Amino acid sequence: MQPQGVTQKDGNPLFPIVLSLVAAAATGVLWAYANPIQLVPGVIQWRIFAFLPPLVGILLGARSGFICGYLGTVVWSLLAGTFIPLHSLVVDGIMVGLTGFVPGLLFSPAKTEFTKQNLLKIAATCLIVGLVMVVAVSGSLAYLGIFPFWWAVMYLGLSDIVPMLIGTPLLVVPAIKILNSAHPSGFARF
């Protein structure tokens, strides 16, 4: 797919901000209520929608991806009853936000041709940023005495990294086509 449609300068800059806020709310709700597989009942579930922050970051911009991941985590933790101020607002929120920020910083539909090689680079980026996030969040959970570190690494890795590795590269091209058809003249990234 040739880079097109999404530009840095053209279009309404409010569009990606509003869409990232909507995506953040949807992410939090989906993480709270649409995760049928409990890896550790009541603690860690398989987040089949963990690909949303990196996907939003690539489509709408790095800051939009961060908003989606950060606010999605806050919404999820409040809905799931797992909100812990220091953990949710600082460690978990920021680290999940970075899973949207980093791919959005590295890949832009206006500059990236989404070949198989670049889709593999997106998957590799999701793996690396996912590992960093999992280690930091696991350390926070262990420090707070909620869950042992290595168990958290294993279960959070399965929960978050696997869906990011599969979902982000699989859905980025169809999502770009949808956005381009909705905004043929392009839109600004945030």
Protein backbone atom coordinates (compact mmCIF):
# COMPACT_ATOMS: atom_id res chain seq x y z
CA MET A 1 0.00 0.00 0.00
CA GLN A 2 1.41 3.35 -1.02
CA PRO A 3 1.61 6.08 1.63
CA GLN A 4 -1.28 8.46 1.09
CA GLY A 5 -4.17 10.32 2.63
CA VAL A 6 -2.74 10.97 6.07
CA THR A 7 -0.65 14.10 6.32
CA GLN A 8 1.03 15.99 9.10
CA LYS A 9 -0.07 19.49 8.03
CA ASP A 10 -3.42 19.18 6.28
CA GLY A 11 -6.82 18.58 7.75
CA ASN A 12 -8.54 19.33 11.01
CA PRO A 13 -6.15 18.81 13.95
CA LEU A 14 -9.13 18.19 16.24
CA PHE A 15 -10.07 14.98 14.39
CA PRO A 16 -7.25 12.75 15.75
CA ILE A 17 -7.62 14.14 19.27
CA VAL A 18 -11.35 13.45 19.41
CA LEU A 19 -10.91 10.05 17.78
CA SER A 20 -8.14 9.12 20.23
CA LEU A 21 -10.42 10.04 23.17
CA VAL A 22 -13.20 7.89 21.70
CA ALA A 23 -10.68 5.07 21.12
CA ALA A 24 -9.45 5.41 24.73
CA ALA A 25 -12.97 5.05 26.10
CA ALA A 26 -13.65 2.09 23.79
CA THR A 27 -10.33 0.51 24.77
CA GLY A 28 -11.11 0.77 28.49
CA VAL A 29 -14.60 -0.64 28.05
CA LEU A 30 -13.41 -3.47 25.80
CA TRP A 31 -10.61 -4.36 28.23
CA ALA A 32 -13.07 -4.40 31.12
CA TYR A 33 -15.95 -6.29 29.51
CA ALA A 34 -14.81 -8.08 26.35
CA ASN A 35 -11.99 -10.31 27.59
CA PRO A 36 -13.50 -13.78 27.85
CA ILE A 37 -10.33 -15.67 28.81
CA GLN A 38 -9.17 -15.19 32.39
CA LEU A 39 -5.48 -16.05 32.72
CA VAL A 40 -5.51 -15.33 36.45
CA PRO A 41 -9.18 -14.95 37.46
CA GLY A 42 -9.90 -11.49 38.80
CA VAL A 43 -6.36 -10.27 38.18
CA ILE A 44 -5.18 -10.79 34.58
CA GLN A 45 -7.28 -11.52 31.52
CA TRP A 46 -6.24 -12.07 27.91
CA ARG A 47 -6.65 -8.59 26.41
CA ILE A 48 -7.70 -9.43 22.88
CA PHE A 49 -7.93 -5.67 22.19
CA ALA A 50 -4.40 -4.81 23.38
CA PHE A 51 -3.59 -3.86 19.78
CA LEU A 52 -5.72 -0.70 19.99
CA PRO A 53 -3.11 1.75 21.43
CA PRO A 54 -0.38 0.86 18.89
CA LEU A 55 -2.92 0.85 16.05
CA VAL A 56 -4.28 4.25 17.07
CA GLY A 57 -0.71 5.55 17.41
CA ILE A 58 0.20 4.48 13.89
CA LEU A 59 -3.03 5.77 12.36
CA LEU A 60 -3.53 9.03 14.24
CA GLY A 61 -0.10 9.91 15.62
CA ALA A 62 2.13 9.17 18.60
CA ARG A 63 0.32 11.46 21.03
CA SER A 64 -3.04 9.98 20.01
CA GLY A 65 -1.65 6.49 20.67
CA PHE A 66 -0.44 7.60 24.10
CA ILE A 67 -3.87 9.08 24.93
CA CYS A 68 -5.56 5.85 23.86
CA GLY A 69 -3.28 3.66 25.97
CA TYR A 70 -3.10 5.91 29.04
CA LEU A 71 -6.78 6.83 29.30
CA GLY A 72 -7.80 3.33 28.20
CA THR A 73 -5.88 1.96 31.19
CA VAL A 74 -7.51 4.42 33.58
CA VAL A 75 -11.01 3.67 32.23
CA TRP A 76 -10.34 -0.07 32.36
CA SER A 77 -8.99 -0.02 35.92
CA LEU A 78 -11.95 2.04 37.15
CA LEU A 79 -14.51 -0.22 35.45
CA ALA A 80 -12.74 -3.42 36.50
CA GLY A 81 -12.36 -2.27 40.11
CA THR A 82 -8.57 -2.56 39.99
CA PHE A 83 -7.71 1.15 40.16
CA ILE A 84 -4.67 1.79 42.36
CA PRO A 85 -3.72 5.49 42.10
CA LEU A 86 0.08 5.18 42.04
CA HIS A 87 0.10 2.05 39.87
CA SER A 88 -2.75 2.94 37.48
CA LEU A 89 -1.95 6.62 36.97
CA VAL A 90 1.82 6.41 36.91
CA VAL A 91 3.31 3.04 36.01
CA ASP A 92 0.53 1.15 34.21
CA GLY A 93 -0.96 4.21 32.52
CA ILE A 94 2.32 5.62 31.25
CA MET A 95 3.72 2.27 30.14
CA VAL A 96 0.56 1.27 28.27
CA GLY A 97 0.48 4.77 26.80
CA LEU A 98 3.97 4.16 25.46
CA THR A 99 2.73 1.05 23.61
CA GLY A 100 0.70 3.51 21.53
CA PHE A 101 3.26 6.33 21.45
CA VAL A 102 6.33 4.45 20.19
CA PRO A 103 4.72 2.74 17.15
CA GLY A 104 3.04 6.05 16.27
CA LEU A 105 6.40 7.79 16.44
CA LEU A 106 8.11 5.23 14.21
CA PHE A 107 5.40 4.55 11.62
CA SER A 108 3.24 7.04 9.76
CA PRO A 109 0.82 6.20 6.95
CA ALA A 110 2.04 9.32 5.12
CA LYS A 111 5.65 8.12 5.16
CA THR A 112 5.52 4.34 5.46
CA GLU A 113 4.68 1.87 2.74
CA PHE A 114 3.06 -1.04 4.57
CA THR A 115 4.88 -3.92 2.92
CA LYS A 116 5.29 -7.30 4.60
CA GLN A 117 8.73 -6.20 5.78
CA ASN A 118 7.36 -3.04 7.41
CA LEU A 119 4.48 -4.98 8.96
CA LEU A 120 7.10 -7.27 10.52
CA LYS A 121 8.89 -4.15 11.81
CA ILE A 122 5.61 -3.02 13.37
CA ALA A 123 5.28 -6.44 15.05
CA ALA A 124 8.90 -6.23 16.28
CA THR A 125 8.26 -2.73 17.65
CA CYS A 126 5.15 -3.99 19.47
CA LEU A 127 7.21 -6.85 20.91
CA ILE A 128 9.95 -4.57 22.22
CA VAL A 129 7.69 -1.86 23.65
CA GLY A 130 5.41 -4.59 25.01
CA LEU A 131 8.30 -6.27 26.83
CA VAL A 132 9.37 -2.97 28.39
CA MET A 133 5.77 -2.31 29.47
CA VAL A 134 5.33 -5.80 30.91
CA VAL A 135 8.56 -5.63 32.93
CA ALA A 136 7.70 -2.19 34.36
CA VAL A 137 4.09 -3.09 35.20
CA SER A 138 5.17 -6.43 36.69
CA GLY A 139 7.74 -4.62 38.83
CA SER A 140 5.05 -2.24 40.08
CA LEU A 141 2.66 -5.10 40.87
CA ALA A 142 5.44 -6.96 42.72
CA TYR A 143 6.50 -3.84 44.63
CA LEU A 144 2.92 -3.26 45.75
CA GLY A 145 2.67 -6.90 46.85
CA ILE A 146 -0.17 -7.66 44.42
CA PHE A 147 1.47 -10.31 42.24
CA PRO A 148 4.93 -12.00 42.09
CA PHE A 149 7.18 -10.44 39.47
CA TRP A 150 7.93 -13.44 37.23
CA TRP A 151 4.34 -14.68 37.28
CA ALA A 152 3.21 -11.19 36.30
CA VAL A 153 5.77 -11.08 33.48
CA MET A 154 4.53 -14.39 32.10
CA TYR A 155 0.82 -13.64 32.35
CA LEU A 156 1.01 -9.99 31.27
CA GLY A 157 3.21 -11.01 28.36
CA LEU A 158 0.58 -13.47 27.19
CA SER A 159 -2.19 -11.01 27.92
CA ASP A 160 -0.83 -7.95 26.13
CA ILE A 161 2.07 -8.77 23.84
CA VAL A 162 0.46 -11.59 21.86
CA PRO A 163 -2.58 -9.52 20.77
CA MET A 164 -0.32 -6.54 19.91
CA LEU A 165 1.97 -8.76 17.80
CA ILE A 166 -0.94 -10.23 15.85
CA GLY A 167 -3.58 -7.50 15.79
CA THR A 168 -1.54 -4.39 15.01
CA PRO A 169 0.14 -5.53 11.77
CA LEU A 170 -2.98 -7.44 10.71
CA LEU A 171 -5.34 -4.46 11.07
CA VAL A 172 -3.20 -1.44 10.13
CA VAL A 173 -3.72 -1.65 6.35
CA PRO A 174 -7.53 -2.15 6.48
CA ALA A 175 -7.80 0.64 9.07
CA ILE A 176 -5.81 3.03 6.86
CA LYS A 177 -8.11 2.23 3.94
CA ILE A 178 -11.16 3.00 6.08
CA LEU A 179 -9.71 6.30 7.31
CA ASN A 180 -8.65 7.29 3.81
CA SER A 181 -12.10 6.57 2.41
CA ALA A 182 -13.68 8.64 5.20
CA HIS A 183 -11.17 11.49 4.72
CA PRO A 184 -9.96 11.38 1.09
CA SER A 185 -8.30 14.81 1.37
CA GLY A 186 -6.27 13.63 4.36
CA PHE A 187 -6.24 14.53 8.04
CA ALA A 188 -3.69 15.74 10.53
CA ARG A 189 -1.98 13.36 12.93
CA PHE A 190 -1.60 14.27 16.59
